[in-house]
Structures are given as structure tokens and as C-alpha cells.
Amino acid sequence: MVYFLPMISLDDVRWSNMTGGYKSPFDPRPLLKKLATDSDTTEVWHELWEELHHQGDVGEASFAAVPFLVRSYRERGLLDWNIYAFRDRLRMTTSRQLRNERRSVLRKYWRPKPRKMFAPS
């Protein structure tokens, strides 16, 4: 069974409004195009990792790039560990971010009442 991931076109203007791992605007289209055509992709992957996954932080561009990365390598018939590692890292990062967001919401809205250590005499 083959699953197809929804992709936005590389011509779509939404790319220019997306953020990367630094939480600042980052448009990965030039790097994605290079990745699809260049034979040596070491530098391109280095830049993608740095911009799309910076110290555990990701942005919308990180997720939007995944379907393009998969399609690009499927069409070229190449396997690259970066694709699998990037996808797994996004999954782990997302899980951690969701847990942290839930914790912060709990801390904000639910505070246990302090207990007295000793009953008054």
C-alpha cells in the first residue's frame, strides 16, 4: 500500500510566511530544489537540518518540507538516512512540544493547594 502525503506547490506563496527551527521566517524552497537536482547533497542537508530543526525547535516549514523530501528521493531512486532521521526527529520533537504545552497549561490552570505538614494542636 502506498500513501501519498499532501503537498503544497513550490510556487505557493505560503512558503514565504512559514517559520523554521529558529522560529523566524524561513523559506526552504531554494534548498528543496537543490536537493532534487544536485548530486552532492551534503551541504544542502546540513543547511536544512540547521534551519528546519534547530536545537530541537521546528516550525511550519519543517513539516511542509517532509512530503517534498520524500517525493524527491522517490523520484530519484535514492535512499538517504537524512530523510528517515529528519522525519523521526520531527515526530519526537512534536511529541515533546505537545507534552510541554500540556504541562504549561496544567501549571497555569491547576495548582494544588499546599498541604499542612502538621495538624494544628
PDB file of N, CA and C in Angstrom:
ATOM      1  N   MET A   1       0.846  -1.166   0.000  1.00  0.00           N
ATOM      2  CA  MET A   1       0.000   0.000   0.000  1.00  0.00           C
ATOM      3  C   MET A   1       0.895   1.233   0.000  1.00  0.00           C
ATOM      4  N   VAL A   2       0.590   2.196  -0.841  1.00  0.00           N
ATOM      5  CA  VAL A   2       1.358   3.429  -0.944  1.00  0.00           C
ATOM      6  C   VAL A   2       0.498   4.583  -0.461  1.00  0.00           C
ATOM      7  N   TYR A   3       1.055   5.353   0.443  1.00  0.00           N
ATOM      8  CA  TYR A   3       0.358   6.527   0.946  1.00  0.00           C
ATOM      9  C   TYR A   3       0.973   7.773   0.321  1.00  0.00           C
ATOM     10  N   PHE A   4       0.139   8.717  -0.021  1.00  0.00           N
ATOM     11  CA  PHE A   4       0.627   9.963  -0.584  1.00  0.00           C
ATOM     12  C   PHE A   4       0.412  11.073   0.429  1.00  0.00           C
ATOM     13  N   LEU A   5       1.445  11.845   0.667  1.00  0.00           N
ATOM     14  CA  LEU A   5       1.358  12.947   1.602  1.00  0.00           C
ATOM     15  C   LEU A   5       0.915  14.208   0.868  1.00  0.00           C
ATOM     16  N   PRO A   6       0.019  14.981   1.467  1.00  0.00           N
ATOM     17  CA  PRO A   6      -0.402  16.209   0.802  1.00  0.00           C
ATOM     18  C   PRO A   6       0.770  17.187   0.708  1.00  0.00           C
ATOM     19  N   MET A   7       0.895  17.807  -0.446  1.00  0.00           N
ATOM     20  CA  MET A   7       1.982  18.742  -0.657  1.00  0.00           C
ATOM     21  C   MET A   7       1.416  20.064  -1.150  1.00  0.00           C
ATOM     22  N   ILE A   8       2.069  21.137  -0.740  1.00  0.00           N
ATOM     23  CA  ILE A   8       1.736  22.406  -1.346  1.00  0.00           C
ATOM     24  C   ILE A   8       2.765  22.643  -2.448  1.00  0.00           C
ATOM     25  N   SER A   9       2.365  23.333  -3.462  1.00  0.00           N
ATOM     26  CA  SER A   9       3.253  23.588  -4.592  1.00  0.00           C
ATOM     27  C   SER A   9       4.435  24.452  -4.162  1.00  0.00           C
ATOM     28  N   LEU A  10       5.554  24.262  -4.814  1.00  0.00           N
ATOM     29  CA  LEU A  10       6.707  25.121  -4.523  1.00  0.00           C
ATOM     30  C   LEU A  10       6.461  26.552  -4.989  1.00  0.00           C
ATOM     31  N   ASP A  11       5.431  26.758  -5.782  1.00  0.00           N
ATOM     32  CA  ASP A  11       5.072  28.106  -6.230  1.00  0.00           C
ATOM     33  C   ASP A  11       4.103  28.799  -5.272  1.00  0.00           C
ATOM     34  N   ASP A  12       3.625  28.081  -4.279  1.00  0.00           N
ATOM     35  CA  ASP A  12       2.654  28.619  -3.336  1.00  0.00           C
ATOM     36  C   ASP A  12       3.306  29.707  -2.467  1.00  0.00           C
ATOM     37  N   VAL A  13       2.597  30.816  -2.286  1.00  0.00           N
ATOM     38  CA  VAL A  13       3.142  31.937  -1.509  1.00  0.00           C
ATOM     39  C   VAL A  13       3.218  31.645  -0.007  1.00  0.00           C
ATOM     40  N   ARG A  14       2.514  30.622   0.450  1.00  0.00           N
ATOM     41  CA  ARG A  14       2.537  30.303   1.890  1.00  0.00           C
ATOM     42  C   ARG A  14       3.929  29.936   2.388  1.00  0.00           C
ATOM     43  N   TRP A  15       4.785  29.435   1.496  1.00  0.00           N
ATOM     44  CA  TRP A  15       6.147  29.083   1.912  1.00  0.00           C
ATOM     45  C   TRP A  15       6.870  30.293   2.515  1.00  0.00           C
ATOM     46  N   SER A  16       6.672  31.452   1.938  1.00  0.00           N
ATOM     47  CA  SER A  16       7.415  32.635   2.388  1.00  0.00           C
ATOM     48  C   SER A  16       6.965  33.123   3.761  1.00  0.00           C
ATOM     49  N   ASN A  17       5.825  32.642   4.245  1.00  0.00           N
ATOM     50  CA  ASN A  17       5.335  33.042   5.563  1.00  0.00           C
ATOM     51  C   ASN A  17       5.589  31.994   6.643  1.00  0.00           C
ATOM     52  N   MET A  18       6.246  30.924   6.291  1.00  0.00           N
ATOM     53  CA  MET A  18       6.485  29.849   7.264  1.00  0.00           C
ATOM     54  C   MET A  18       7.740  30.121   8.097  1.00  0.00           C
ATOM     55  N   THR A  19       7.777  29.482   9.252  1.00  0.00           N
ATOM     56  CA  THR A  19       8.943  29.614  10.119  1.00  0.00           C
ATOM     57  C   THR A  19       9.722  28.306  10.139  1.00  0.00           C
ATOM     58  N   GLY A  20      10.979  28.433  10.474  1.00  0.00           N
ATOM     59  CA  GLY A  20      11.849  27.262  10.602  1.00  0.00           C
ATOM     60  C   GLY A  20      12.166  26.993  12.059  1.00  0.00           C
ATOM     61  N   GLY A  21      13.269  26.322  12.292  1.00  0.00           N
ATOM     62  CA  GLY A  21      13.657  25.948  13.649  1.00  0.00           C
ATOM     63  C   GLY A  21      14.040  27.110  14.542  1.00  0.00           C
ATOM     64  N   TYR A  22      14.424  28.229  13.953  1.00  0.00           N
ATOM     65  CA  TYR A  22      14.769  29.409  14.748  1.00  0.00           C
ATOM     66  C   TYR A  22      13.534  30.217  15.130  1.00  0.00           C
ATOM     67  N   LYS A  23      12.357  29.766  14.694  1.00  0.00           N
ATOM     68  CA  LYS A  23      11.093  30.464  14.933  1.00  0.00           C
ATOM     69  C   LYS A  23      11.061  31.824  14.244  1.00  0.00           C
ATOM     70  N   SER A  24      11.838  31.964  13.191  1.00  0.00           N
ATOM     71  CA  SER A  24      11.815  33.170  12.368  1.00  0.00           C
ATOM     72  C   SER A  24      11.474  32.730  10.944  1.00  0.00           C
ATOM     73  N   PRO A  25      11.039  33.651  10.093  1.00  0.00           N
ATOM     74  CA  PRO A  25      10.666  33.258   8.726  1.00  0.00           C
ATOM     75  C   PRO A  25      11.815  32.542   8.009  1.00  0.00           C
ATOM     76  N   PHE A  26      11.463  31.428   7.398  1.00  0.00           N
ATOM     77  CA  PHE A  26      12.442  30.677   6.620  1.00  0.00           C
ATOM     78  C   PHE A  26      11.722  30.010   5.450  1.00  0.00           C
ATOM     79  N   ASP A  27      12.211  30.281   4.256  1.00  0.00           N
ATOM     80  CA  ASP A  27      11.645  29.712   3.039  1.00  0.00           C
ATOM     81  C   ASP A  27      12.614  28.639   2.517  1.00  0.00           C
ATOM     82  N   PRO A  28      12.277  27.359   2.661  1.00  0.00           N
ATOM     83  CA  PRO A  28      13.205  26.290   2.274  1.00  0.00           C
ATOM     84  C   PRO A  28      13.192  25.937   0.789  1.00  0.00           C
ATOM     85  N   ARG A  29      12.380  26.607  -0.014  1.00  0.00           N
ATOM     86  CA  ARG A  29      12.245  26.230  -1.427  1.00  0.00           C
ATOM     87  C   ARG A  29      13.555  26.167  -2.190  1.00  0.00           C
ATOM     88  N   PRO A  30      14.449  27.147  -2.072  1.00  0.00           N
ATOM     89  CA  PRO A  30      15.712  27.025  -2.822  1.00  0.00           C
ATOM     90  C   PRO A  30      16.503  25.774  -2.446  1.00  0.00           C
ATOM     91  N   LEU A  31      16.510  25.437  -1.164  1.00  0.00           N
ATOM     92  CA  LEU A  31      17.228  24.231  -0.723  1.00  0.00           C
ATOM     93  C   LEU A  31      16.528  22.965  -1.201  1.00  0.00           C
ATOM     94  N   LEU A  32      15.205  22.966  -1.181  1.00  0.00           N
ATOM     95  CA  LEU A  32      14.468  21.788  -1.639  1.00  0.00           C
ATOM     96  C   LEU A  32      14.688  21.548  -3.133  1.00  0.00           C
ATOM     97  N   LYS A  33      14.748  22.633  -3.891  1.00  0.00           N
ATOM     98  CA  LYS A  33      15.016  22.497  -5.327  1.00  0.00           C
ATOM     99  C   LYS A  33      16.422  21.969  -5.578  1.00  0.00           C
ATOM    100  N   LYS A  34      17.395  22.456  -4.805  1.00  0.00           N
ATOM    101  CA  LYS A  34      18.774  21.969  -4.936  1.00  0.00           C
ATOM    102  C   LYS A  34      18.855  20.485  -4.584  1.00  0.00           C
ATOM    103  N   LEU A  35      18.133  20.104  -3.553  1.00  0.00           N
ATOM    104  CA  LEU A  35      18.152  18.715  -3.115  1.00  0.00           C
ATOM    105  C   LEU A  35      17.619  17.792  -4.202  1.00  0.00           C
ATOM    106  N   ALA A  36      16.664  18.275  -4.954  1.00  0.00           N
ATOM    107  CA  ALA A  36      16.070  17.459  -6.016  1.00  0.00           C
ATOM    108  C   ALA A  36      16.967  17.333  -7.231  1.00  0.00           C
ATOM    109  N   THR A  37      17.921  18.263  -7.400  1.00  0.00           N
ATOM    110  CA  THR A  37      18.717  18.258  -8.626  1.00  0.00           C
ATOM    111  C   THR A  37      20.207  18.005  -8.413  1.00  0.00           C
ATOM    112  N   ASP A  38      20.762  18.400  -7.290  1.00  0.00           N
ATOM    113  CA  ASP A  38      22.209  18.254  -7.062  1.00  0.00           C
ATOM    114  C   ASP A  38      22.598  16.804  -6.809  1.00  0.00           C
ATOM    115  N   SER A  39      23.785  16.454  -7.242  1.00  0.00           N
ATOM    116  CA  SER A  39      24.266  15.094  -6.983  1.00  0.00           C
ATOM    117  C   SER A  39      24.906  15.002  -5.598  1.00  0.00           C
ATOM    118  N   ASP A  40      25.599  16.046  -5.164  1.00  0.00           N
ATOM    119  CA  ASP A  40      26.179  16.057  -3.822  1.00  0.00           C
ATOM    120  C   ASP A  40      25.279  16.908  -2.930  1.00  0.00           C
ATOM    121  N   THR A  41      24.585  16.251  -2.026  1.00  0.00           N
ATOM    122  CA  THR A  41      23.584  16.939  -1.212  1.00  0.00           C
ATOM    123  C   THR A  41      24.036  17.183   0.225  1.00  0.00           C
ATOM    124  N   THR A  42      25.296  16.958   0.516  1.00  0.00           N
ATOM    125  CA  THR A  42      25.792  17.089   1.889  1.00  0.00           C
ATOM    126  C   THR A  42      25.561  18.483   2.450  1.00  0.00           C
ATOM    127  N   GLU A  43      25.959  19.506   1.717  1.00  0.00           N
ATOM    128  CA  GLU A  43      25.789  20.884   2.191  1.00  0.00           C
ATOM    129  C   GLU A  43      24.322  21.279   2.295  1.00  0.00           C
ATOM    130  N   VAL A  44      23.534  20.817   1.340  1.00  0.00           N
ATOM    131  CA  VAL A  44      22.105  21.150   1.356  1.00  0.00           C
ATOM    132  C   VAL A  44      21.456  20.556   2.599  1.00  0.00           C
ATOM    133  N   TRP A  45      21.762  19.299   2.892  1.00  0.00           N
ATOM    134  CA  TRP A  45      21.203  18.669   4.090  1.00  0.00           C
ATOM    135  C   TRP A  45      21.677  19.375   5.356  1.00  0.00           C
ATOM    136  N   HIS A  46      22.928  19.784   5.376  1.00  0.00           N
ATOM    137  CA  HIS A  46      23.444  20.496   6.549  1.00  0.00           C
ATOM    138  C   HIS A  46      22.608  21.765   6.797  1.00  0.00           C
ATOM    139  N   GLU A  47      22.356  22.520   5.736  1.00  0.00           N
ATOM    140  CA  GLU A  47      21.551  23.738   5.860  1.00  0.00           C
ATOM    141  C   GLU A  47      20.114  23.431   6.256  1.00  0.00           C
ATOM    142  N   LEU A  48      19.533  22.393   5.656  1.00  0.00           N
ATOM    143  CA  LEU A  48      18.160  22.025   6.005  1.00  0.00           C
ATOM    144  C   LEU A  48      18.049  21.643   7.478  1.00  0.00           C
ATOM    145  N   TRP A  49      18.981  20.827   7.949  1.00  0.00           N
ATOM    146  CA  TRP A  49      18.967  20.437   9.364  1.00  0.00           C
ATOM    147  C   TRP A  49      19.082  21.677  10.252  1.00  0.00           C
ATOM    148  N   GLU A  50      20.003  22.553   9.913  1.00  0.00           N
ATOM    149  CA  GLU A  50      20.236  23.744  10.732  1.00  0.00           C
ATOM    150  C   GLU A  50      19.017  24.668  10.755  1.00  0.00           C
ATOM    151  N   GLU A  51      18.401  24.877   9.609  1.00  0.00           N
ATOM    152  CA  GLU A  51      17.301  25.831   9.512  1.00  0.00           C
ATOM    153  C   GLU A  51      15.943  25.250   9.899  1.00  0.00           C
ATOM    154  N   LEU A  52      15.727  23.983   9.622  1.00  0.00           N
ATOM    155  CA  LEU A  52      14.414  23.389   9.875  1.00  0.00           C
ATOM    156  C   LEU A  52      14.312  22.684  11.219  1.00  0.00           C
ATOM    157  N   HIS A  53      15.440  22.350  11.812  1.00  0.00           N
ATOM    158  CA  HIS A  53      15.428  21.684  13.118  1.00  0.00           C
ATOM    159  C   HIS A  53      16.607  22.214  13.916  1.00  0.00           C
ATOM    160  N   HIS A  54      16.381  23.312  14.590  1.00  0.00           N
ATOM    161  CA  HIS A  54      17.466  23.945  15.330  1.00  0.00           C
ATOM    162  C   HIS A  54      17.334  23.659  16.818  1.00  0.00           C
ATOM    163  N   GLN A  55      18.244  22.885  17.353  1.00  0.00           N
ATOM    164  CA  GLN A  55      18.295  22.544  18.779  1.00  0.00           C
ATOM    165  C   GLN A  55      16.937  22.064  19.301  1.00  0.00           C
ATOM    166  N   GLY A  56      16.292  21.241  18.511  1.00  0.00           N
ATOM    167  CA  GLY A  56      15.018  20.663  18.937  1.00  0.00           C
ATOM    168  C   GLY A  56      13.799  21.482  18.587  1.00  0.00           C
ATOM    169  N   ASP A  57      13.983  22.672  18.053  1.00  0.00           N
ATOM    170  CA  ASP A  57      12.843  23.508  17.666  1.00  0.00           C
ATOM    171  C   ASP A  57      12.546  23.324  16.187  1.00  0.00           C
ATOM    172  N   VAL A  58      11.269  23.317  15.861  1.00  0.00           N
ATOM    173  CA  VAL A  58      10.829  23.185  14.477  1.00  0.00           C
ATOM    174  C   VAL A  58       9.747  24.224  14.198  1.00  0.00           C
ATOM    175  N   GLY A  59       9.447  24.416  12.925  1.00  0.00           N
ATOM    176  CA  GLY A  59       8.390  25.342  12.535  1.00  0.00           C
ATOM    177  C   GLY A  59       7.532  24.733  11.446  1.00  0.00           C
ATOM    178  N   GLU A  60       6.646  25.542  10.894  1.00  0.00           N
ATOM    179  CA  GLU A  60       5.744  25.034   9.854  1.00  0.00           C
ATOM    180  C   GLU A  60       6.503  24.557   8.623  1.00  0.00           C
ATOM    181  N   ALA A  61       7.573  25.265   8.269  1.00  0.00           N
ATOM    182  CA  ALA A  61       8.345  24.879   7.088  1.00  0.00           C
ATOM    183  C   ALA A  61       8.958  23.489   7.259  1.00  0.00           C
ATOM    184  N   SER A  62       9.264  23.115   8.485  1.00  0.00           N
ATOM    185  CA  SER A  62       9.835  21.790   8.761  1.00  0.00           C
ATOM    186  C   SER A  62       8.863  20.694   8.348  1.00  0.00           C
ATOM    187  N   PHE A  63       7.594  20.879   8.698  1.00  0.00           N
ATOM    188  CA  PHE A  63       6.587  19.878   8.368  1.00  0.00           C
ATOM    189  C   PHE A  63       6.203  19.925   6.897  1.00  0.00           C
ATOM    190  N   ALA A  64       6.125  21.128   6.347  1.00  0.00           N
ATOM    191  CA  ALA A  64       5.747  21.260   4.939  1.00  0.00           C
ATOM    192  C   ALA A  64       6.807  20.672   4.010  1.00  0.00           C
ATOM    193  N   ALA A  65       8.034  20.620   4.444  1.00  0.00           N
ATOM    194  CA  ALA A  65       9.128  20.113   3.605  1.00  0.00           C
ATOM    195  C   ALA A  65       9.133  18.586   3.497  1.00  0.00           C
ATOM    196  N   VAL A  66       8.605  17.883   4.478  1.00  0.00           N
ATOM    197  CA  VAL A  66       8.705  16.418   4.508  1.00  0.00           C
ATOM    198  C   VAL A  66       8.120  15.743   3.266  1.00  0.00           C
ATOM    199  N   PRO A  67       6.904  16.053   2.846  1.00  0.00           N
ATOM    200  CA  PRO A  67       6.387  15.381   1.645  1.00  0.00           C
ATOM    201  C   PRO A  67       7.258  15.638   0.413  1.00  0.00           C
ATOM    202  N   PHE A  68       7.792  16.852   0.310  1.00  0.00           N
ATOM    203  CA  PHE A  68       8.648  17.155  -0.829  1.00  0.00           C
ATOM    204  C   PHE A  68       9.941  16.333  -0.770  1.00  0.00           C
ATOM    205  N   LEU A  69      10.510  16.198   0.418  1.00  0.00           N
ATOM    206  CA  LEU A  69      11.736  15.404   0.581  1.00  0.00           C
ATOM    207  C   LEU A  69      11.505  13.951   0.170  1.00  0.00           C
ATOM    208  N   VAL A  70      10.398  13.402   0.611  1.00  0.00           N
ATOM    209  CA  VAL A  70      10.086  12.000   0.289  1.00  0.00           C
ATOM    210  C   VAL A  70       9.886  11.838  -1.215  1.00  0.00           C
ATOM    211  N   ARG A  71       9.098  12.715  -1.811  1.00  0.00           N
ATOM    212  CA  ARG A  71       8.854  12.623  -3.249  1.00  0.00           C
ATOM    213  C   ARG A  71      10.139  12.783  -4.049  1.00  0.00           C
ATOM    214  N   SER A  72      10.948  13.728  -3.650  1.00  0.00           N
ATOM    215  CA  SER A  72      12.200  13.998  -4.352  1.00  0.00           C
ATOM    216  C   SER A  72      13.091  12.756  -4.387  1.00  0.00           C
ATOM    217  N   TYR A  73      13.225  12.101  -3.264  1.00  0.00           N
ATOM    218  CA  TYR A  73      14.091  10.920  -3.213  1.00  0.00           C
ATOM    219  C   TYR A  73      13.445   9.700  -3.858  1.00  0.00           C
ATOM    220  N   ARG A  74      12.134   9.618  -3.809  1.00  0.00           N
ATOM    221  CA  ARG A  74      11.461   8.505  -4.508  1.00  0.00           C
ATOM    222  C   ARG A  74      11.663   8.624  -6.007  1.00  0.00           C
ATOM    223  N   GLU A  75      11.518   9.834  -6.525  1.00  0.00           N
ATOM    224  CA  GLU A  75      11.684  10.054  -7.966  1.00  0.00           C
ATOM    225  C   GLU A  75      13.117   9.791  -8.414  1.00  0.00           C
ATOM    226  N   ARG A  76      14.072  10.125  -7.570  1.00  0.00           N
ATOM    227  CA  ARG A  76      15.474   9.919  -7.926  1.00  0.00           C
ATOM    228  C   ARG A  76      15.927   8.483  -7.660  1.00  0.00           C
ATOM    229  N   GLY A  77      15.142   7.731  -6.900  1.00  0.00           N
ATOM    230  CA  GLY A  77      15.502   6.350  -6.590  1.00  0.00           C
ATOM    231  C   GLY A  77      16.656   6.232  -5.620  1.00  0.00           C
ATOM    232  N   LEU A  78      16.820   7.238  -4.774  1.00  0.00           N
ATOM    233  CA  LEU A  78      17.917   7.243  -3.808  1.00  0.00           C
ATOM    234  C   LEU A  78      17.389   7.039  -2.394  1.00  0.00           C
ATOM    235  N   LEU A  79      18.222   6.448  -1.585  1.00  0.00           N
ATOM    236  CA  LEU A  79      17.931   6.346  -0.158  1.00  0.00           C
ATOM    237  C   LEU A  79      18.952   7.190   0.584  1.00  0.00           C
ATOM    238  N   ASP A  80      18.488   7.925   1.558  1.00  0.00           N
ATOM    239  CA  ASP A  80      19.368   8.775   2.333  1.00  0.00           C
ATOM    240  C   ASP A  80      18.900   8.732   3.782  1.00  0.00           C
ATOM    241  N   TRP A  81      19.822   8.487   4.689  1.00  0.00           N
ATOM    242  CA  TRP A  81      19.463   8.390   6.100  1.00  0.00           C
ATOM    243  C   TRP A  81      18.850   9.691   6.611  1.00  0.00           C
ATOM    244  N   ASN A  82      19.196  10.815   5.991  1.00  0.00           N
ATOM    245  CA  ASN A  82      18.687  12.106   6.446  1.00  0.00           C
ATOM    246  C   ASN A  82      17.164  12.183   6.410  1.00  0.00           C
ATOM    247  N   ILE A  83      16.557  11.586   5.402  1.00  0.00           N
ATOM    248  CA  ILE A  83      15.093  11.630   5.296  1.00  0.00           C
ATOM    249  C   ILE A  83      14.453  10.938   6.494  1.00  0.00           C
ATOM    250  N   TYR A  84      14.922   9.750   6.799  1.00  0.00           N
ATOM    251  CA  TYR A  84      14.349   8.982   7.912  1.00  0.00           C
ATOM    252  C   TYR A  84      14.638   9.658   9.251  1.00  0.00           C
ATOM    253  N   ALA A  85      15.860  10.132   9.411  1.00  0.00           N
ATOM    254  CA  ALA A  85      16.228  10.792  10.665  1.00  0.00           C
ATOM    255  C   ALA A  85      15.440  12.089  10.851  1.00  0.00           C
ATOM    256  N   PHE A  86      15.271  12.845   9.777  1.00  0.00           N
ATOM    257  CA  PHE A  86      14.543  14.105   9.861  1.00  0.00           C
ATOM    258  C   PHE A  86      13.083  13.862  10.232  1.00  0.00           C
ATOM    259  N   ARG A  87      12.467  12.910   9.576  1.00  0.00           N
ATOM    260  CA  ARG A  87      11.071  12.588   9.881  1.00  0.00           C
ATOM    261  C   ARG A  87      10.913  12.125  11.331  1.00  0.00           C
ATOM    262  N   ASP A  88      11.793  11.242  11.780  1.00  0.00           N
ATOM    263  CA  ASP A  88      11.705  10.752  13.158  1.00  0.00           C
ATOM    264  C   ASP A  88      11.974  11.856  14.170  1.00  0.00           C
ATOM    265  N   ARG A  89      12.907  12.731  13.859  1.00  0.00           N
ATOM    266  CA  ARG A  89      13.222  13.835  14.759  1.00  0.00           C
ATOM    267  C   ARG A  89      12.029  14.785  14.878  1.00  0.00           C
ATOM    268  N   LEU A  90      11.342  15.026  13.775  1.00  0.00           N
ATOM    269  CA  LEU A  90      10.138  15.860  13.829  1.00  0.00           C
ATOM    270  C   LEU A  90       9.077  15.218  14.707  1.00  0.00           C
ATOM    271  N   ARG A  91       8.920  13.922  14.555  1.00  0.00           N
ATOM    272  CA  ARG A  91       7.912  13.212  15.354  1.00  0.00           C
ATOM    273  C   ARG A  91       8.247  13.305  16.839  1.00  0.00           C
ATOM    274  N   MET A  92       9.506  13.090  17.190  1.00  0.00           N
ATOM    275  CA  MET A  92       9.903  13.159  18.596  1.00  0.00           C
ATOM    276  C   MET A  92       9.785  14.581  19.134  1.00  0.00           C
ATOM    277  N   THR A  93      10.184  15.546  18.345  1.00  0.00           N
ATOM    278  CA  THR A  93      10.099  16.945  18.757  1.00  0.00           C
ATOM    279  C   THR A  93       8.661  17.348  18.981  1.00  0.00           C
ATOM    280  N   THR A  94       7.781  16.946  18.087  1.00  0.00           N
ATOM    281  CA  THR A  94       6.372  17.284  18.212  1.00  0.00           C
ATOM    282  C   THR A  94       5.792  16.690  19.487  1.00  0.00           C
ATOM    283  N   SER A  95       6.120  15.447  19.772  1.00  0.00           N
ATOM    284  CA  SER A  95       5.623  14.812  20.997  1.00  0.00           C
ATOM    285  C   SER A  95       6.103  15.564  22.224  1.00  0.00           C
ATOM    286  N   ARG A  96       7.382  15.947  22.232  1.00  0.00           N
ATOM    287  CA  ARG A  96       7.949  16.671  23.376  1.00  0.00           C
ATOM    288  C   ARG A  96       7.299  18.045  23.508  1.00  0.00           C
ATOM    289  N   GLN A  97       7.103  18.750  22.397  1.00  0.00           N
ATOM    290  CA  GLN A  97       6.476  20.069  22.456  1.00  0.00           C
ATOM    291  C   GLN A  97       5.042  19.983  22.964  1.00  0.00           C
ATOM    292  N   LEU A  98       4.305  18.967  22.512  1.00  0.00           N
ATOM    293  CA  LEU A  98       2.932  18.811  22.988  1.00  0.00           C
ATOM    294  C   LEU A  98       2.895  18.516  24.482  1.00  0.00           C
ATOM    295  N   ARG A  99       3.807  17.659  24.950  1.00  0.00           N
ATOM    296  CA  ARG A  99       3.863  17.370  26.388  1.00  0.00           C
ATOM    297  C   ARG A  99       4.166  18.637  27.177  1.00  0.00           C
ATOM    298  N   ASN A 100       5.129  19.428  26.699  1.00  0.00           N
ATOM    299  CA  ASN A 100       5.489  20.660  27.395  1.00  0.00           C
ATOM    300  C   ASN A 100       4.340  21.659  27.392  1.00  0.00           C
ATOM    301  N   GLU A 101       3.614  21.752  26.277  1.00  0.00           N
ATOM    302  CA  GLU A 101       2.466  22.656  26.227  1.00  0.00           C
ATOM    303  C   GLU A 101       1.386  22.211  27.208  1.00  0.00           C
ATOM    304  N   ARG A 102       1.149  20.900  27.284  1.00  0.00           N
ATOM    305  CA  ARG A 102       0.147  20.397  28.236  1.00  0.00           C
ATOM    306  C   ARG A 102       0.577  20.709  29.667  1.00  0.00           C
ATOM    307  N   ARG A 103       1.856  20.526  29.960  1.00  0.00           N
ATOM    308  CA  ARG A 103       2.344  20.821  31.315  1.00  0.00           C
ATOM    309  C   ARG A 103       2.152  22.293  31.655  1.00  0.00           C
ATOM    310  N   SER A 104       2.476  23.176  30.703  1.00  0.00           N
ATOM    311  CA  SER A 104       2.350  24.604  30.996  1.00  0.00           C
ATOM    312  C   SER A 104       0.890  24.987  31.204  1.00  0.00           C
ATOM    313  N   VAL A 105      -0.016  24.383  30.453  1.00  0.00           N
ATOM    314  CA  VAL A 105      -1.443  24.654  30.649  1.00  0.00           C
ATOM    315  C   VAL A 105      -1.875  24.155  32.018  1.00  0.00           C
ATOM    316  N   LEU A 106      -1.423  22.958  32.392  1.00  0.00           N
ATOM    317  CA  LEU A 106      -1.763  22.436  33.713  1.00  0.00           C
ATOM    318  C   LEU A 106      -1.228  23.345  34.816  1.00  0.00           C
ATOM    319  N   ARG A 107       0.004  23.795  34.657  1.00  0.00           N
ATOM    320  CA  ARG A 107       0.589  24.675  35.675  1.00  0.00           C
ATOM    321  C   ARG A 107      -0.192  25.991  35.773  1.00  0.00           C
ATOM    322  N   LYS A 108      -0.673  26.457  34.653  1.00  0.00           N
ATOM    323  CA  LYS A 108      -1.362  27.739  34.638  1.00  0.00           C
ATOM    324  C   LYS A 108      -2.744  27.644  35.278  1.00  0.00           C
ATOM    325  N   TYR A 109      -3.465  26.564  35.001  1.00  0.00           N
ATOM    326  CA  TYR A 109      -4.855  26.473  35.443  1.00  0.00           C
ATOM    327  C   TYR A 109      -5.101  25.531  36.618  1.00  0.00           C
ATOM    328  N   TRP A 110      -4.137  24.732  36.962  1.00  0.00           N
ATOM    329  CA  TRP A 110      -4.359  23.798  38.056  1.00  0.00           C
ATOM    330  C   TRP A 110      -3.178  23.850  38.999  1.00  0.00           C
ATOM    331  N   ARG A 111      -3.420  24.365  40.156  1.00  0.00           N
ATOM    332  CA  ARG A 111      -2.371  24.413  41.171  1.00  0.00           C
ATOM    333  C   ARG A 111      -2.925  23.735  42.423  1.00  0.00           C
ATOM    334  N   PRO A 112      -2.249  22.680  42.832  1.00  0.00           N
ATOM    335  CA  PRO A 112      -2.740  22.021  44.047  1.00  0.00           C
ATOM    336  C   PRO A 112      -2.583  22.942  45.255  1.00  0.00           C
ATOM    337  N   LYS A 113      -3.515  22.816  46.174  1.00  0.00           N
ATOM    338  CA  LYS A 113      -3.441  23.617  47.389  1.00  0.00           C
ATOM    339  C   LYS A 113      -2.312  23.067  48.266  1.00  0.00           C
ATOM    340  N   PRO A 114      -1.543  23.946  48.864  1.00  0.00           N
ATOM    341  CA  PRO A 114      -0.467  23.460  49.741  1.00  0.00           C
ATOM    342  C   PRO A 114      -1.063  22.710  50.939  1.00  0.00           C
ATOM    343  N   ARG A 115      -0.397  21.637  51.276  1.00  0.00           N
ATOM    344  CA  ARG A 115      -0.849  20.846  52.419  1.00  0.00           C
ATOM    345  C   ARG A 115      -0.069  21.247  53.661  1.00  0.00           C
ATOM    346  N   LYS A 116      -0.754  21.226  54.752  1.00  0.00           N
ATOM    347  CA  LYS A 116      -0.065  21.493  56.019  1.00  0.00           C
ATOM    348  C   LYS A 116       0.621  20.216  56.448  1.00  0.00           C
ATOM    349  N   MET A 117       1.836  20.379  56.887  1.00  0.00           N
ATOM    350  CA  MET A 117       2.586  19.189  57.272  1.00  0.00           C
ATOM    351  C   MET A 117       2.095  18.621  58.607  1.00  0.00           C
ATOM    352  N   PHE A 118       1.702  19.500  59.483  1.00  0.00           N
ATOM    353  CA  PHE A 118       1.240  19.022  60.790  1.00  0.00           C
ATOM    354  C   PHE A 118      -0.129  19.621  61.085  1.00  0.00           C
ATOM    355  N   ALA A 119      -0.953  18.830  61.667  1.00  0.00           N
ATOM    356  CA  ALA A 119      -2.266  19.316  62.053  1.00  0.00           C
ATOM    357  C   ALA A 119      -2.106  20.274  63.220  1.00  0.00           C
ATOM    358  N   PRO A 120      -2.914  21.320  63.250  1.00  0.00           N
ATOM    359  CA  PRO A 120      -2.791  22.266  64.398  1.00  0.00           C
ATOM    360  C   PRO A 120      -3.162  21.547  65.698  1.00  0.00           C
ATOM    361  N   SER A 121      -2.475  21.920  66.751  1.00  0.00           N
ATOM    362  CA  SER A 121      -2.727  21.287  68.048  1.00  0.00           C
ATOM    363  C   SER A 121      -3.884  21.912  68.728  1.00  0.00           C
TER     364      SER A 121
END
